[in-house]
Amino acid sequence: MKVTTGRERAVFDKLNEIAGLEEIHYLFGDWDYILSIRTTDTISLSRLITERIRRTPGIAQTHTLIEAPTR
């Protein structure tokens, strides 16, 4: 995700309050954070992203990638 400049710490603190986020990594470069999320299905994933993550003040953009099975 991309975060509004100067809001990185506030966004990090708010993200830590969201159940379902397994990992939050701060990055340098085009993106500010990468999140690891585990859900039971894509409906739960969609709700978590649209109702919780994207509504966090300071989040400017998200990009969702779904892990492909290795077998």
PDB file of N, CA and C in Angstrom:
ATOM      1  N   MET A   1       0.828  -1.162   0.000  1.00  0.00           N
ATOM      2  CA  MET A   1       0.000   0.000   0.000  1.00  0.00           C
ATOM      3  C   MET A   1       0.878   1.231   0.000  1.00  0.00           C
ATOM      4  N   LYS A   2       0.282   2.320  -0.471  1.00  0.00           N
ATOM      5  CA  LYS A   2       0.931   3.630  -0.421  1.00  0.00           C
ATOM      6  C   LYS A   2       0.219   4.448   0.649  1.00  0.00           C
ATOM      7  N   VAL A   3       1.018   5.213   1.375  1.00  0.00           N
ATOM      8  CA  VAL A   3       0.504   5.999   2.484  1.00  0.00           C
ATOM      9  C   VAL A   3       0.791   7.478   2.223  1.00  0.00           C
ATOM     10  N   THR A   4      -0.126   8.326   2.638  1.00  0.00           N
ATOM     11  CA  THR A   4       0.077   9.761   2.530  1.00  0.00           C
ATOM     12  C   THR A   4       1.340  10.147   3.303  1.00  0.00           C
ATOM     13  N   THR A   5       2.196  10.949   2.700  1.00  0.00           N
ATOM     14  CA  THR A   5       3.445  11.358   3.331  1.00  0.00           C
ATOM     15  C   THR A   5       3.190  11.954   4.707  1.00  0.00           C
ATOM     16  N   GLY A   6       3.970  11.472   5.664  1.00  0.00           N
ATOM     17  CA  GLY A   6       3.857  11.952   7.026  1.00  0.00           C
ATOM     18  C   GLY A   6       2.879  11.168   7.889  1.00  0.00           C
ATOM     19  N   ARG A   7       2.132  10.230   7.290  1.00  0.00           N
ATOM     20  CA  ARG A   7       1.119   9.458   8.027  1.00  0.00           C
ATOM     21  C   ARG A   7       1.563   8.017   8.291  1.00  0.00           C
ATOM     22  N   GLU A   8       2.814   7.708   7.995  1.00  0.00           N
ATOM     23  CA  GLU A   8       3.278   6.326   8.079  1.00  0.00           C
ATOM     24  C   GLU A   8       3.077   5.713   9.472  1.00  0.00           C
ATOM     25  N   ARG A   9       3.457   6.407  10.523  1.00  0.00           N
ATOM     26  CA  ARG A   9       3.338   5.855  11.876  1.00  0.00           C
ATOM     27  C   ARG A   9       1.877   5.702  12.296  1.00  0.00           C
ATOM     28  N   ALA A  10       1.060   6.699  11.996  1.00  0.00           N
ATOM     29  CA  ALA A  10      -0.356   6.632  12.353  1.00  0.00           C
ATOM     30  C   ALA A  10      -1.047   5.474  11.641  1.00  0.00           C
ATOM     31  N   VAL A  11      -0.718   5.269  10.368  1.00  0.00           N
ATOM     32  CA  VAL A  11      -1.304   4.157   9.611  1.00  0.00           C
ATOM     33  C   VAL A  11      -0.837   2.831  10.202  1.00  0.00           C
ATOM     34  N   PHE A  12       0.443   2.720  10.506  1.00  0.00           N
ATOM     35  CA  PHE A  12       0.977   1.495  11.109  1.00  0.00           C
ATOM     36  C   PHE A  12       0.241   1.163  12.406  1.00  0.00           C
ATOM     37  N   ASP A  13       0.046   2.156  13.255  1.00  0.00           N
ATOM     38  CA  ASP A  13      -0.652   1.933  14.521  1.00  0.00           C
ATOM     39  C   ASP A  13      -2.090   1.466  14.302  1.00  0.00           C
ATOM     40  N   LYS A  14      -2.793   2.064  13.337  1.00  0.00           N
ATOM     41  CA  LYS A  14      -4.174   1.663  13.036  1.00  0.00           C
ATOM     42  C   LYS A  14      -4.232   0.261  12.432  1.00  0.00           C
ATOM     43  N   LEU A  15      -3.294  -0.069  11.562  1.00  0.00           N
ATOM     44  CA  LEU A  15      -3.272  -1.394  10.956  1.00  0.00           C
ATOM     45  C   LEU A  15      -3.071  -2.473  12.014  1.00  0.00           C
ATOM     46  N   ASN A  16      -2.275  -2.179  13.030  1.00  0.00           N
ATOM     47  CA  ASN A  16      -2.037  -3.154  14.100  1.00  0.00           C
ATOM     48  C   ASN A  16      -3.294  -3.480  14.888  1.00  0.00           C
ATOM     49  N   GLU A  17      -4.327  -2.672  14.774  1.00  0.00           N
ATOM     50  CA  GLU A  17      -5.590  -2.909  15.464  1.00  0.00           C
ATOM     51  C   GLU A  17      -6.532  -3.828  14.678  1.00  0.00           C
ATOM     52  N   ILE A  18      -6.186  -4.141  13.438  1.00  0.00           N
ATOM     53  CA  ILE A  18      -7.068  -4.922  12.568  1.00  0.00           C
ATOM     54  C   ILE A  18      -6.778  -6.408  12.713  1.00  0.00           C
ATOM     55  N   ALA A  19      -7.780  -7.157  13.159  1.00  0.00           N
ATOM     56  CA  ALA A  19      -7.651  -8.616  13.265  1.00  0.00           C
ATOM     57  C   ALA A  19      -7.561  -9.207  11.856  1.00  0.00           C
ATOM     58  N   GLY A  20      -6.744 -10.209  11.691  1.00  0.00           N
ATOM     59  CA  GLY A  20      -6.602 -10.859  10.393  1.00  0.00           C
ATOM     60  C   GLY A  20      -5.315 -10.512   9.683  1.00  0.00           C
ATOM     61  N   LEU A  21      -4.651  -9.440  10.115  1.00  0.00           N
ATOM     62  CA  LEU A  21      -3.362  -9.101   9.516  1.00  0.00           C
ATOM     63  C   LEU A  21      -2.285  -9.916  10.225  1.00  0.00           C
ATOM     64  N   GLU A  22      -1.573 -10.720   9.483  1.00  0.00           N
ATOM     65  CA  GLU A  22      -0.527 -11.560  10.076  1.00  0.00           C
ATOM     66  C   GLU A  22       0.793 -10.834  10.180  1.00  0.00           C
ATOM     67  N   GLU A  23       1.130 -10.050   9.161  1.00  0.00           N
ATOM     68  CA  GLU A  23       2.409  -9.344   9.148  1.00  0.00           C
ATOM     69  C   GLU A  23       2.235  -7.981   8.488  1.00  0.00           C
ATOM     70  N   ILE A  24       2.994  -7.005   8.983  1.00  0.00           N
ATOM     71  CA  ILE A  24       3.047  -5.669   8.390  1.00  0.00           C
ATOM     72  C   ILE A  24       4.527  -5.339   8.219  1.00  0.00           C
ATOM     73  N   HIS A  25       4.936  -5.052   6.986  1.00  0.00           N
ATOM     74  CA  HIS A  25       6.336  -4.719   6.715  1.00  0.00           C
ATOM     75  C   HIS A  25       6.425  -3.318   6.120  1.00  0.00           C
ATOM     76  N   TYR A  26       7.269  -2.483   6.709  1.00  0.00           N
ATOM     77  CA  TYR A  26       7.524  -1.125   6.208  1.00  0.00           C
ATOM     78  C   TYR A  26       8.574  -1.224   5.107  1.00  0.00           C
ATOM     79  N   LEU A  27       8.346  -0.531   4.005  1.00  0.00           N
ATOM     80  CA  LEU A  27       9.225  -0.623   2.836  1.00  0.00           C
ATOM     81  C   LEU A  27       9.794   0.738   2.457  1.00  0.00           C
ATOM     82  N   PHE A  28      10.863   0.725   1.713  1.00  0.00           N
ATOM     83  CA  PHE A  28      11.387   1.910   1.051  1.00  0.00           C
ATOM     84  C   PHE A  28      11.200   1.691  -0.442  1.00  0.00           C
ATOM     85  N   GLY A  29      10.742   2.701  -1.153  1.00  0.00           N
ATOM     86  CA  GLY A  29      10.524   2.559  -2.587  1.00  0.00           C
ATOM     87  C   GLY A  29       9.142   3.042  -2.984  1.00  0.00           C
ATOM     88  N   ASP A  30       8.588   2.452  -4.039  1.00  0.00           N
ATOM     89  CA  ASP A  30       7.296   2.879  -4.569  1.00  0.00           C
ATOM     90  C   ASP A  30       6.140   2.605  -3.610  1.00  0.00           C
ATOM     91  N   TRP A  31       6.252   1.568  -2.780  1.00  0.00           N
ATOM     92  CA  TRP A  31       5.198   1.186  -1.845  1.00  0.00           C
ATOM     93  C   TRP A  31       5.706   1.381  -0.429  1.00  0.00           C
ATOM     94  N   ASP A  32       4.807   1.708   0.484  1.00  0.00           N
ATOM     95  CA  ASP A  32       5.199   1.989   1.865  1.00  0.00           C
ATOM     96  C   ASP A  32       5.059   0.790   2.795  1.00  0.00           C
ATOM     97  N   TYR A  33       4.055  -0.038   2.574  1.00  0.00           N
ATOM     98  CA  TYR A  33       3.832  -1.217   3.415  1.00  0.00           C
ATOM     99  C   TYR A  33       3.435  -2.399   2.556  1.00  0.00           C
ATOM    100  N   ILE A  34       3.794  -3.581   3.019  1.00  0.00           N
ATOM    101  CA  ILE A  34       3.263  -4.818   2.467  1.00  0.00           C
ATOM    102  C   ILE A  34       2.657  -5.584   3.639  1.00  0.00           C
ATOM    103  N   LEU A  35       1.458  -6.086   3.434  1.00  0.00           N
ATOM    104  CA  LEU A  35       0.733  -6.799   4.484  1.00  0.00           C
ATOM    105  C   LEU A  35       0.580  -8.262   4.101  1.00  0.00           C
ATOM    106  N   SER A  36       0.606  -9.113   5.091  1.00  0.00           N
ATOM    107  CA  SER A  36       0.283 -10.521   4.905  1.00  0.00           C
ATOM    108  C   SER A  36      -1.036 -10.768   5.621  1.00  0.00           C
ATOM    109  N   ILE A  37      -2.008 -11.266   4.855  1.00  0.00           N
ATOM    110  CA  ILE A  37      -3.358 -11.462   5.371  1.00  0.00           C
ATOM    111  C   ILE A  37      -3.762 -12.912   5.141  1.00  0.00           C
ATOM    112  N   ARG A  38      -4.389 -13.507   6.155  1.00  0.00           N
ATOM    113  CA  ARG A  38      -4.913 -14.867   5.981  1.00  0.00           C
ATOM    114  C   ARG A  38      -6.417 -14.822   6.230  1.00  0.00           C
ATOM    115  N   THR A  39      -7.189 -15.257   5.230  1.00  0.00           N
ATOM    116  CA  THR A  39      -8.640 -15.338   5.363  1.00  0.00           C
ATOM    117  C   THR A  39      -9.099 -16.701   4.861  1.00  0.00           C
ATOM    118  N   THR A  40     -10.346 -17.012   5.134  1.00  0.00           N
ATOM    119  CA  THR A  40     -10.874 -18.312   4.730  1.00  0.00           C
ATOM    120  C   THR A  40     -11.371 -18.337   3.292  1.00  0.00           C
ATOM    121  N   ASP A  41     -11.684 -17.154   2.741  1.00  0.00           N
ATOM    122  CA  ASP A  41     -12.212 -17.095   1.373  1.00  0.00           C
ATOM    123  C   ASP A  41     -12.059 -15.676   0.828  1.00  0.00           C
ATOM    124  N   THR A  42     -12.337 -15.517  -0.454  1.00  0.00           N
ATOM    125  CA  THR A  42     -12.163 -14.216  -1.090  1.00  0.00           C
ATOM    126  C   THR A  42     -13.211 -13.195  -0.642  1.00  0.00           C
ATOM    127  N   ILE A  43     -14.358 -13.650  -0.195  1.00  0.00           N
ATOM    128  CA  ILE A  43     -15.368 -12.720   0.318  1.00  0.00           C
ATOM    129  C   ILE A  43     -14.857 -12.068   1.601  1.00  0.00           C
ATOM    130  N   SER A  44     -14.296 -12.864   2.492  1.00  0.00           N
ATOM    131  CA  SER A  44     -13.716 -12.323   3.728  1.00  0.00           C
ATOM    132  C   SER A  44     -12.559 -11.383   3.412  1.00  0.00           C
ATOM    133  N   LEU A  45     -11.745 -11.750   2.442  1.00  0.00           N
ATOM    134  CA  LEU A  45     -10.628 -10.903   2.023  1.00  0.00           C
ATOM    135  C   LEU A  45     -11.139  -9.571   1.507  1.00  0.00           C
ATOM    136  N   SER A  46     -12.138  -9.621   0.652  1.00  0.00           N
ATOM    137  CA  SER A  46     -12.716  -8.404   0.085  1.00  0.00           C
ATOM    138  C   SER A  46     -13.254  -7.489   1.173  1.00  0.00           C
ATOM    139  N   ARG A  47     -13.962  -8.050   2.120  1.00  0.00           N
ATOM    140  CA  ARG A  47     -14.518  -7.245   3.216  1.00  0.00           C
ATOM    141  C   ARG A  47     -13.423  -6.618   4.060  1.00  0.00           C
ATOM    142  N   LEU A  48     -12.391  -7.386   4.372  1.00  0.00           N
ATOM    143  CA  LEU A  48     -11.285  -6.868   5.176  1.00  0.00           C
ATOM    144  C   LEU A  48     -10.604  -5.697   4.467  1.00  0.00           C
ATOM    145  N   ILE A  49     -10.383  -5.850   3.185  1.00  0.00           N
ATOM    146  CA  ILE A  49      -9.705  -4.798   2.429  1.00  0.00           C
ATOM    147  C   ILE A  49     -10.590  -3.563   2.277  1.00  0.00           C
ATOM    148  N   THR A  50     -11.824  -3.759   1.838  1.00  0.00           N
ATOM    149  CA  THR A  50     -12.677  -2.604   1.537  1.00  0.00           C
ATOM    150  C   THR A  50     -13.268  -1.933   2.771  1.00  0.00           C
ATOM    151  N   GLU A  51     -13.579  -2.725   3.802  1.00  0.00           N
ATOM    152  CA  GLU A  51     -14.243  -2.155   4.974  1.00  0.00           C
ATOM    153  C   GLU A  51     -13.289  -1.742   6.089  1.00  0.00           C
ATOM    154  N   ARG A  52     -12.095  -2.315   6.123  1.00  0.00           N
ATOM    155  CA  ARG A  52     -11.180  -1.986   7.219  1.00  0.00           C
ATOM    156  C   ARG A  52      -9.910  -1.310   6.718  1.00  0.00           C
ATOM    157  N   ILE A  53      -9.186  -1.963   5.824  1.00  0.00           N
ATOM    158  CA  ILE A  53      -7.875  -1.453   5.418  1.00  0.00           C
ATOM    159  C   ILE A  53      -8.001  -0.163   4.625  1.00  0.00           C
ATOM    160  N   ARG A  54      -8.792  -0.155   3.560  1.00  0.00           N
ATOM    161  CA  ARG A  54      -8.894   1.040   2.713  1.00  0.00           C
ATOM    162  C   ARG A  54      -9.559   2.224   3.404  1.00  0.00           C
ATOM    163  N   ARG A  55     -10.283   1.982   4.475  1.00  0.00           N
ATOM    164  CA  ARG A  55     -10.926   3.075   5.221  1.00  0.00           C
ATOM    165  C   ARG A  55     -10.018   3.669   6.290  1.00  0.00           C
ATOM    166  N   THR A  56      -8.810   3.139   6.416  1.00  0.00           N
ATOM    167  CA  THR A  56      -7.851   3.670   7.376  1.00  0.00           C
ATOM    168  C   THR A  56      -7.358   5.032   6.885  1.00  0.00           C
ATOM    169  N   PRO A  57      -7.519   6.081   7.691  1.00  0.00           N
ATOM    170  CA  PRO A  57      -7.050   7.410   7.268  1.00  0.00           C
ATOM    171  C   PRO A  57      -5.550   7.392   6.971  1.00  0.00           C
ATOM    172  N   GLY A  58      -5.187   7.958   5.842  1.00  0.00           N
ATOM    173  CA  GLY A  58      -3.785   8.039   5.444  1.00  0.00           C
ATOM    174  C   GLY A  58      -3.393   7.038   4.378  1.00  0.00           C
ATOM    175  N   ILE A  59      -4.235   6.050   4.104  1.00  0.00           N
ATOM    176  CA  ILE A  59      -3.926   5.099   3.041  1.00  0.00           C
ATOM    177  C   ILE A  59      -4.359   5.705   1.719  1.00  0.00           C
ATOM    178  N   ALA A  60      -3.394   5.853   0.823  1.00  0.00           N
ATOM    179  CA  ALA A  60      -3.647   6.500  -0.457  1.00  0.00           C
ATOM    180  C   ALA A  60      -3.972   5.495  -1.562  1.00  0.00           C
ATOM    181  N   GLN A  61      -3.369   4.291  -1.502  1.00  0.00           N
ATOM    182  CA  GLN A  61      -3.558   3.311  -2.570  1.00  0.00           C
ATOM    183  C   GLN A  61      -3.232   1.924  -2.056  1.00  0.00           C
ATOM    184  N   THR A  62      -3.987   0.934  -2.529  1.00  0.00           N
ATOM    185  CA  THR A  62      -3.673  -0.461  -2.220  1.00  0.00           C
ATOM    186  C   THR A  62      -3.556  -1.245  -3.517  1.00  0.00           C
ATOM    187  N   HIS A  63      -2.858  -2.342  -3.424  1.00  0.00           N
ATOM    188  CA  HIS A  63      -2.694  -3.254  -4.554  1.00  0.00           C
ATOM    189  C   HIS A  63      -2.731  -4.661  -3.957  1.00  0.00           C
ATOM    190  N   THR A  64      -3.656  -5.497  -4.407  1.00  0.00           N
ATOM    191  CA  THR A  64      -3.840  -6.805  -3.816  1.00  0.00           C
ATOM    192  C   THR A  64      -3.281  -7.900  -4.717  1.00  0.00           C
ATOM    193  N   LEU A  65      -2.476  -8.763  -4.125  1.00  0.00           N
ATOM    194  CA  LEU A  65      -1.926  -9.933  -4.809  1.00  0.00           C
ATOM    195  C   LEU A  65      -2.325 -11.160  -4.015  1.00  0.00           C
ATOM    196  N   ILE A  66      -2.831 -12.179  -4.671  1.00  0.00           N
ATOM    197  CA  ILE A  66      -3.242 -13.404  -4.007  1.00  0.00           C
ATOM    198  C   ILE A  66      -2.229 -14.492  -4.316  1.00  0.00           C
ATOM    199  N   GLU A  67      -1.759 -15.145  -3.256  1.00  0.00           N
ATOM    200  CA  GLU A  67      -0.750 -16.195  -3.414  1.00  0.00           C
ATOM    201  C   GLU A  67      -1.297 -17.368  -4.217  1.00  0.00           C
ATOM    202  N   ALA A  68      -0.500 -17.853  -5.144  1.00  0.00           N
ATOM    203  CA  ALA A  68      -0.886 -19.015  -5.946  1.00  0.00           C
ATOM    204  C   ALA A  68      -0.393 -20.282  -5.265  1.00  0.00           C
ATOM    205  N   PRO A  69      -1.188 -21.338  -5.330  1.00  0.00           N
ATOM    206  CA  PRO A  69      -0.731 -22.593  -4.721  1.00  0.00           C
ATOM    207  C   PRO A  69       0.509 -23.115  -5.435  1.00  0.00           C
ATOM    208  N   THR A  70       1.385 -23.770  -4.693  1.00  0.00           N
ATOM    209  CA  THR A  70       2.621 -24.291  -5.284  1.00  0.00           C
ATOM    210  C   THR A  70       2.472 -25.703  -5.770  1.00  0.00           C
ATOM    211  N   ARG A  71       1.352 -26.325  -5.439  1.00  0.00           N
ATOM    212  CA  ARG A  71       1.116 -27.694  -5.913  1.00  0.00           C
ATOM    213  C   ARG A  71      -0.214 -27.817  -6.552  1.00  0.00           C
TER     214      ARG A  71
END
